[in-house]
Amino acid sequence: MRKSIPFVTTVLGLVVLSGCGGDGRLVVKGRIVKGGSPFTVPEGQYVRVTFFPITADGRPPLNTYAAAYNRADGAFRAVGPDGKGIPPGKYRIAVEHEVKRRTDSFQGAYDGDRSPFVFDIDSHTDEIVIDLDKR
């Protein structure tokens, strides 16, 4: 019986250290569509997806979060700066399509100030779909 106490203590310690409970940050997945199909771009063009927290006082956010975009299937994923996710909250999601020398083909229509794509992100958020045909 006494020999099992150190084992149980070690196992419990490892469970605590592994991050049970976490700090509430979330890995957010989504996709961009246009015309009902995934919005994809050829090699040499880029899509930048950025999450801008909407603050209660209306001031600019202290942090923004870039998402990794897959040009082949239009999917994106925001994992935060350390890979553990972004805080839950309300976000305006900016989308820029860079063509030739950083020219945004959307002409700023979906930038951090004007993007109509606003989402509440919480633990129930499954996938975000950004439809470029719907503003």
Foldseek 3Di string as FASTA:
>chain_A
DVVCVVVVVVVVVVVVVVAVVHPFFDKAKAFEAEPNAGQADDPPKDKWKKWWAQDPVRDGDPDIWTWDADRVGRMTITQGPVSPHHHFHKTQIAMFIQDPPRDGPVNCCRDRVHRPDIDGDGPPRDYDYHYPVPD
